[in-house]
Amino acid sequence: MQGAYQVQVARNLADLEAGTLLWDAGRVASERSTSIQYEGPEGHSTQRIHWRVRVWDHGGKPSDWSGPAWTEMGQLEERDSVADWIEVG
C-alpha cells in the first residue's frame, strides 16, 4: 500500500531532469493515487508541462521516479484562436 507520494512539474523535459521545477509537491503522506491537484503557477494557453511522480510504501521505502509524462493546456481565451470559419458557398 502507498503511504506517500511526490509530484514534480517543469516547463520541459530538460528542466524536469535538472530539477528546475515549476512545482514540487514534496513528500505528501497520503494513500491517494489519483486526481492530485496541481498547485504551481497558473499556466497559459497551449502551454505544455512535463511531470513525474514517485511513491513511498507504508514502510517508508520510495519507488523510482516514474517515466516523464506531459500534458498541454487548451486555448484559454477566445483571442487564442486564429482559425477562420469554413463556409459552404
Protein backbone atom coordinates (compact mmCIF):
# COMPACT_ATOMS: atom_id res chain seq x y z
CA MET A 1 0.00 0.00 0.00
CA GLN A 2 1.08 3.53 -0.78
CA GLY A 3 1.93 5.72 2.20
CA ALA A 4 3.00 8.91 0.42
CA TYR A 5 3.53 10.49 -2.99
CA GLN A 6 5.54 13.27 -4.64
CA VAL A 7 4.77 15.04 -7.92
CA GLN A 8 7.24 17.29 -9.76
CA VAL A 9 6.32 19.56 -12.69
CA ALA A 10 8.57 21.50 -15.09
CA ARG A 11 8.31 23.56 -18.28
CA ASN A 12 10.18 20.94 -20.34
CA LEU A 13 11.86 17.58 -20.03
CA ALA A 14 15.37 19.04 -19.62
CA ASP A 15 14.19 21.22 -16.71
CA LEU A 16 12.46 18.25 -15.11
CA GLU A 17 15.63 16.17 -15.27
CA ALA A 18 17.74 19.10 -13.99
CA GLY A 19 15.38 19.82 -11.10
CA THR A 20 14.41 23.28 -12.42
CA LEU A 21 10.78 22.94 -11.42
CA LEU A 22 7.57 24.92 -11.71
CA TRP A 23 6.16 22.96 -8.78
CA ASP A 24 7.23 20.23 -6.39
CA ALA A 25 4.54 18.81 -4.12
CA GLY A 26 7.20 17.47 -1.78
CA ARG A 27 6.54 14.24 0.10
CA VAL A 28 2.81 14.13 0.85
CA ALA A 29 1.65 11.48 3.33
CA SER A 30 -1.39 10.06 1.57
CA GLU A 31 -2.79 6.87 0.09
CA ARG A 32 -4.41 8.97 -2.64
CA SER A 33 -3.15 7.98 -6.08
CA THR A 34 -5.45 9.83 -8.48
CA SER A 35 -6.80 13.36 -9.01
CA ILE A 36 -3.89 15.15 -7.33
CA GLN A 37 -4.45 18.88 -7.75
CA TYR A 38 -1.68 20.93 -9.36
CA GLU A 39 -0.73 23.84 -7.09
CA GLY A 40 2.00 25.51 -9.15
CA PRO A 41 1.95 28.75 -11.12
CA GLU A 42 -1.01 29.37 -13.39
CA GLY A 43 -0.50 28.09 -16.91
CA HIS A 44 -1.18 29.83 -20.21
CA SER A 45 -2.88 28.76 -23.43
CA THR A 46 -1.32 25.79 -25.21
CA GLN A 47 1.46 25.53 -22.60
CA ARG A 48 2.92 22.04 -22.32
CA ILE A 49 4.19 20.92 -18.92
CA HIS A 50 6.15 17.79 -18.06
CA TRP A 51 5.71 15.85 -14.84
CA ARG A 52 6.84 12.77 -12.94
CA VAL A 53 5.78 11.05 -9.73
CA ARG A 54 7.11 8.67 -7.12
CA VAL A 55 5.51 6.98 -4.14
CA TRP A 56 6.53 5.57 -0.79
CA ASP A 57 5.18 2.39 0.72
CA HIS A 58 3.92 2.24 4.31
CA GLY A 59 7.39 1.15 5.38
CA GLY A 60 8.86 4.41 4.06
CA LYS A 61 10.61 2.87 1.03
CA PRO A 62 10.45 5.18 -2.03
CA SER A 63 9.87 3.97 -5.57
CA ASP A 64 11.96 5.12 -8.50
CA TRP A 65 10.64 8.17 -10.33
CA SER A 66 8.05 7.36 -12.96
CA GLY A 67 8.93 7.96 -16.56
CA PRO A 68 8.22 11.55 -17.60
CA ALA A 69 4.80 12.42 -18.97
CA TRP A 70 3.29 15.66 -20.23
CA THR A 71 0.02 17.47 -20.54
CA GLU A 72 -0.95 20.55 -22.51
CA MET A 73 -3.29 23.40 -21.71
CA GLY A 74 -6.13 24.10 -24.11
CA GLN A 75 -6.90 27.51 -25.55
CA LEU A 76 -8.00 29.53 -22.56
CA GLU A 77 -9.01 32.79 -24.26
CA GLU A 78 -11.13 33.42 -27.36
CA ARG A 79 -8.32 35.57 -28.78
CA ASP A 80 -6.05 32.49 -28.81
CA SER A 81 -7.98 31.02 -31.73
CA VAL A 82 -6.78 32.33 -35.09
CA ALA A 83 -8.80 29.98 -37.33
CA ASP A 84 -11.20 31.20 -39.99
CA TRP A 85 -14.69 29.81 -40.38
CA ILE A 86 -15.24 27.49 -43.33
CA GLU A 87 -18.39 28.33 -45.25
CA VAL A 88 -20.28 26.48 -47.91
CA GLY A 89 -20.72 28.80 -50.93
